Every structure is written in structure tokens, then in C-alpha cells.
Amino acid sequence: MKRTLVGWGSVIIFLAGCAGQVDYMRPTQVKNFAKEKIVDKSRDAVWSSAVPELGKQFYVINNMDKASGLINVSYSGDPERYIDCGRIISYVKNVRGERTYDFPGSRGQQDYETMNNGHLILFNRKMALEGRINLVFEEISPNKTKITANTRYVINRTQFATAAGTNQSRTLNDSISFNGRSSAAFPPASDGRATECTSTGQLEKEILSVIN
């Protein structure tokens, strides 16, 4: 887990807002998703068709070793489709009226507000996913091959906080990582709540779907 705070050391107290104003719902994703498939073809045939198909998709092929049956690919981009970080709900009431922000914790970009001791804090929050997938091609029989997708998820979160009506602003950068079927949590806010993230299994499903 990597955490970098630029300047404004007290910015983390703003992450939860005033008592009762920010709520967090943990992920509900079932972690026991499929990460392997069996194809009724020889390993050579599956490998030969998989390499060009993977190259057509949005994955980057980093390296491959046919002798060991290993292909390493990566994905970088919007994490919302591939990870579940629960939901964040922030309620704000001031002279401008009432606002409620309700959004997935894995959303790529979100602007929202919180209140801290009567002060309005504006947040610009960004999430980015870097996924590394090891695809293992295993010969079960001369005409049957098992493909397993083992994924490493790295989630980078950037939060830019500004005190409304002032020029006071600071940036908080955090990073967590976990393997497929597991989870990790960002550092907790001042009320002890931490944003937890886990895989939806969609990345494994999509990458395996192109191998036939």
C-alpha cells in the first residue's frame, strides 16, 4: 500500500465530513467468480488463436513464453467496470440548499462536497486501475486445454480537496493492490471508515472470452 500526502496534513479529516453527513456501503460483490476455462483444442491451437485475438483487444501484451504456456497482458483505465469499491453517499446542507451525492466508490471521476465543522469542502476524486493478468495455458489432454487468468489489481486514487471560498487546497494520493478473489482497503477517514475494493470478475471474464 502506498500513500502520499502533499501539503495540507489535516485534509484527511475532511474525507468523512461532519458526523452523519457521509456514509459508506461496503462492496457486496461475490468473490468466487470463474477465472479459468477449458477449450476442446490442443494447446498449440489455442495458443495460436489467442495471441492475435488478445492483440486486437484493449489489452497490452507485455511478454509471452510458449514453452511455459504463459502470456502476461495488462489493462489500464477506468476501474468502475472491473472493481467494486462500495458506494459513497454524502449529504450537504447549507445556505445553497440540500445536496446528496451517491456514487460508486470505483467511479473513475467524481466531484462532490462534504461538510467539516460547518465548512464546505469540495472534492475532485479520481480512480484509475492498472491490471496485470497472467494467462496460463495448460495441456489437459492432446485435445483439451485449460486457460487460467491470474490477475493483480493496482488501484490509484487521487483526491483534490478545496475549502469553499478560500484558496486552500491540497491533494491526497493513495494506492492499494490485491489479487483476484481478494480485496484491499484505502486508509480510513477520521471516523475509522475505509474504502474497500474487490474485483467484480469482469476483467477475467472478458479476457477469457476471447480465447477459444
Protein backbone atom coordinates (compact mmCIF):
# COMPACT_ATOMS: atom_id res chain seq x y z
CA MET A 1 0.00 0.00 0.00
CA LYS A 2 1.41 3.41 -0.97
CA ARG A 3 0.22 6.71 0.44
CA THR A 4 1.46 10.20 -0.38
CA LEU A 5 0.12 13.39 1.17
CA VAL A 6 1.08 16.65 -0.49
CA GLY A 7 0.99 19.63 1.87
CA TRP A 8 -2.17 20.14 3.98
CA GLY A 9 -1.70 17.45 6.63
CA SER A 10 -5.22 17.78 8.03
CA VAL A 11 -7.00 17.12 4.74
CA ILE A 12 -7.83 13.54 5.74
CA ILE A 13 -10.32 14.75 8.37
CA PHE A 14 -12.43 16.08 5.54
CA LEU A 15 -12.86 12.65 3.96
CA ALA A 16 -15.79 11.73 6.16
CA GLY A 17 -17.32 15.19 6.56
CA CYS A 18 -19.46 16.00 9.58
CA ALA A 19 -20.94 13.26 11.70
CA GLY A 20 -23.80 11.57 9.91
CA GLN A 21 -23.19 13.50 6.68
CA VAL A 22 -21.12 10.90 4.84
CA ASP A 23 -21.98 7.22 4.68
CA TYR A 24 -20.15 4.33 3.10
CA MET A 25 -21.55 0.99 1.94
CA ARG A 26 -19.02 -1.81 1.56
CA PRO A 27 -18.75 -3.93 -1.62
CA THR A 28 -21.32 -6.70 -1.99
CA GLN A 29 -19.56 -8.46 -4.85
CA VAL A 30 -19.27 -12.25 -4.61
CA LYS A 31 -15.56 -13.08 -4.92
CA ASN A 32 -15.90 -16.69 -6.09
CA PHE A 33 -16.03 -15.88 -9.81
CA ALA A 34 -14.69 -18.08 -12.61
CA LYS A 35 -11.10 -17.40 -13.60
CA GLU A 36 -10.46 -20.40 -15.84
CA LYS A 37 -11.96 -22.13 -18.83
CA ILE A 38 -11.40 -25.33 -20.80
CA VAL A 39 -11.23 -25.38 -24.59
CA ASP A 40 -11.56 -28.57 -26.59
CA LYS A 41 -8.47 -27.96 -28.70
CA SER A 42 -4.76 -28.68 -28.42
CA ARG A 43 -2.64 -26.21 -26.50
CA ASP A 44 -0.80 -25.21 -29.70
CA ALA A 45 -4.08 -24.46 -31.47
CA VAL A 46 -5.48 -22.43 -28.56
CA TRP A 47 -2.22 -20.51 -28.20
CA SER A 48 -2.00 -19.74 -31.91
CA SER A 49 -5.50 -18.27 -31.98
CA ALA A 50 -5.24 -16.48 -28.62
CA VAL A 51 -2.22 -14.30 -29.40
CA PRO A 52 -3.74 -12.37 -32.36
CA GLU A 53 -7.13 -12.11 -30.63
CA LEU A 54 -5.61 -10.62 -27.50
CA GLY A 55 -3.72 -8.15 -29.69
CA LYS A 56 -7.00 -6.93 -31.20
CA GLN A 57 -8.45 -6.03 -27.81
CA PHE A 58 -7.62 -3.14 -25.47
CA TYR A 59 -5.05 -5.23 -23.61
CA VAL A 60 -1.30 -4.75 -23.90
CA ILE A 61 0.72 -7.94 -24.35
CA ASN A 62 3.80 -7.45 -22.17
CA ASN A 63 5.51 -10.78 -22.67
CA MET A 64 4.81 -14.39 -23.56
CA ASP A 65 6.57 -17.73 -23.32
CA LYS A 66 5.04 -20.53 -25.35
CA ALA A 67 7.26 -23.19 -23.76
CA SER A 68 5.86 -22.48 -20.31
CA GLY A 69 2.42 -21.55 -21.62
CA LEU A 70 2.42 -18.06 -20.13
CA ILE A 71 1.13 -14.77 -21.57
CA ASN A 72 1.21 -11.59 -19.48
CA VAL A 73 -1.19 -8.81 -20.50
CA SER A 74 -2.22 -5.55 -18.86
CA TYR A 75 -5.16 -3.17 -18.77
CA SER A 76 -5.08 0.50 -17.71
CA GLY A 77 -8.08 2.78 -17.43
CA ASP A 78 -11.46 3.32 -15.83
CA PRO A 79 -11.92 0.85 -12.96
CA GLU A 80 -15.70 1.03 -12.45
CA ARG A 81 -16.48 -1.95 -14.70
CA TYR A 82 -13.87 -4.20 -13.13
CA ILE A 83 -13.75 -3.45 -9.41
CA ASP A 84 -16.32 -2.87 -6.68
CA CYS A 85 -15.38 -0.28 -4.04
CA GLY A 86 -18.82 0.01 -2.47
CA ARG A 87 -20.84 3.24 -2.52
CA ILE A 88 -20.19 6.68 -1.06
CA ILE A 89 -23.12 8.87 -0.01
CA SER A 90 -22.52 12.48 1.04
CA TYR A 91 -25.30 14.78 2.26
CA VAL A 92 -24.69 18.54 2.40
CA LYS A 93 -26.95 21.31 3.63
CA ASN A 94 -26.06 25.00 3.72
CA VAL A 95 -27.44 28.34 2.51
CA ARG A 96 -27.46 26.99 -1.04
CA GLY A 97 -29.85 24.22 -0.01
CA GLU A 98 -29.54 20.45 0.29
CA ARG A 99 -27.47 18.17 -1.96
CA THR A 100 -26.96 14.41 -1.86
CA TYR A 101 -24.10 12.73 -3.71
CA ASP A 102 -24.49 8.98 -4.18
CA PHE A 103 -21.86 7.27 -6.35
CA PRO A 104 -19.83 4.05 -6.74
CA GLY A 105 -16.51 4.13 -4.91
CA SER A 106 -14.84 2.78 -8.07
CA ARG A 107 -16.05 5.60 -10.33
CA GLY A 108 -13.24 6.99 -12.46
CA GLN A 109 -14.01 10.65 -11.72
CA GLN A 110 -16.41 12.28 -9.27
CA ASP A 111 -16.95 15.80 -7.94
CA TYR A 112 -18.75 16.05 -4.59
CA GLU A 113 -18.97 18.05 -1.37
CA THR A 114 -18.69 17.36 2.34
CA MET A 115 -19.10 19.49 5.45
CA ASN A 116 -16.44 19.80 8.14
CA ASN A 117 -17.34 21.77 11.29
CA GLY A 118 -19.69 23.89 9.22
CA HIS A 119 -17.18 24.47 6.44
CA LEU A 120 -17.91 23.28 2.91
CA ILE A 121 -15.19 21.12 1.33
CA LEU A 122 -15.17 20.50 -2.42
CA PHE A 123 -13.68 17.23 -3.66
CA ASN A 124 -12.46 16.17 -7.07
CA ARG A 125 -11.87 12.42 -6.79
CA LYS A 126 -10.22 10.21 -9.43
CA MET A 127 -9.69 6.45 -9.54
CA ALA A 128 -7.53 4.54 -12.04
CA LEU A 129 -6.94 0.82 -12.49
CA GLU A 130 -3.77 -0.94 -13.56
CA GLY A 131 -4.49 -4.64 -14.04
CA ARG A 132 -1.84 -7.24 -14.78
CA ILE A 133 -3.09 -10.65 -15.92
CA ASN A 134 -1.03 -13.83 -16.20
CA LEU A 135 -2.71 -16.23 -18.62
CA VAL A 136 -1.56 -19.82 -18.11
CA PHE A 137 -2.21 -22.36 -20.90
CA GLU A 138 -2.15 -25.93 -19.57
CA GLU A 139 -2.49 -29.09 -21.64
CA ILE A 140 -5.00 -31.45 -20.03
CA SER A 141 -5.01 -33.90 -22.94
CA PRO A 142 -3.94 -33.75 -26.62
CA ASN A 143 -7.25 -32.07 -27.48
CA LYS A 144 -8.13 -30.25 -24.27
CA THR A 145 -6.54 -27.09 -22.83
CA LYS A 146 -7.19 -25.22 -19.59
CA ILE A 147 -6.61 -21.46 -19.51
CA THR A 148 -6.31 -19.73 -16.13
CA ALA A 149 -6.35 -15.95 -15.61
CA ASN A 150 -4.46 -14.75 -12.51
CA THR A 151 -4.89 -11.01 -12.02
CA ARG A 152 -3.08 -8.40 -9.94
CA TYR A 153 -5.09 -5.23 -9.39
CA VAL A 154 -3.45 -1.89 -8.59
CA ILE A 155 -5.85 0.97 -7.79
CA ASN A 156 -4.63 4.57 -7.70
CA ARG A 157 -6.83 7.20 -6.06
CA THR A 158 -6.27 10.98 -6.24
CA GLN A 159 -8.37 13.37 -4.16
CA PHE A 160 -8.12 17.11 -4.65
CA ALA A 161 -9.79 18.95 -1.73
CA THR A 162 -10.62 22.67 -1.65
CA ALA A 163 -12.15 24.67 1.20
CA ALA A 164 -15.02 26.60 -0.42
CA GLY A 165 -14.50 30.36 -0.59
CA THR A 166 -10.76 30.08 0.07
CA ASN A 167 -7.61 29.35 -1.86
CA GLN A 168 -6.74 26.47 0.49
CA SER A 169 -6.46 23.18 -1.41
CA ARG A 170 -4.44 20.01 -1.10
CA THR A 171 -4.01 16.70 -2.91
CA LEU A 172 -4.09 13.23 -1.34
CA ASN A 173 -2.72 10.28 -3.33
CA ASP A 174 -3.27 6.67 -2.29
CA SER A 175 -2.58 3.31 -3.89
CA ILE A 176 -3.70 -0.22 -3.00
CA SER A 177 -3.20 -3.60 -4.65
CA PHE A 178 -4.71 -7.06 -4.38
CA ASN A 179 -5.05 -10.31 -6.31
CA GLY A 180 -8.24 -11.55 -7.93
CA ARG A 181 -10.79 -13.01 -5.45
CA SER A 182 -9.25 -10.93 -2.65
CA SER A 183 -9.57 -7.29 -1.59
CA ALA A 184 -7.75 -4.31 -0.06
CA ALA A 185 -8.76 -1.05 1.60
CA PHE A 186 -7.62 2.54 1.32
CA PRO A 187 -6.56 4.29 4.56
CA PRO A 188 -9.52 5.07 6.84
CA ALA A 189 -11.05 8.51 7.18
CA SER A 190 -11.21 10.30 10.52
CA ASP A 191 -14.29 8.29 11.59
CA GLY A 192 -12.43 5.00 11.07
CA ARG A 193 -14.17 4.02 7.82
CA ALA A 194 -12.01 2.75 4.99
CA THR A 195 -12.89 2.37 1.30
CA GLU A 196 -12.60 -1.32 0.44
CA CYS A 197 -12.15 -2.59 -3.11
CA THR A 198 -12.52 -6.03 -4.65
CA SER A 199 -12.75 -7.49 -8.15
CA THR A 200 -16.06 -7.97 -9.95
CA GLY A 201 -14.57 -10.81 -12.01
CA GLN A 202 -15.49 -8.95 -15.20
CA LEU A 203 -11.89 -8.43 -16.33
CA GLU A 204 -11.17 -12.17 -16.08
CA LYS A 205 -14.45 -12.96 -17.85
CA GLU A 206 -13.76 -10.61 -20.75
CA ILE A 207 -10.20 -11.73 -21.34
CA LEU A 208 -11.10 -15.42 -21.22
CA SER A 209 -14.00 -14.85 -23.62
CA VAL A 210 -11.61 -14.00 -26.48
CA ILE A 211 -9.68 -17.26 -26.09
CA ASN A 212 -11.29 -20.16 -27.96
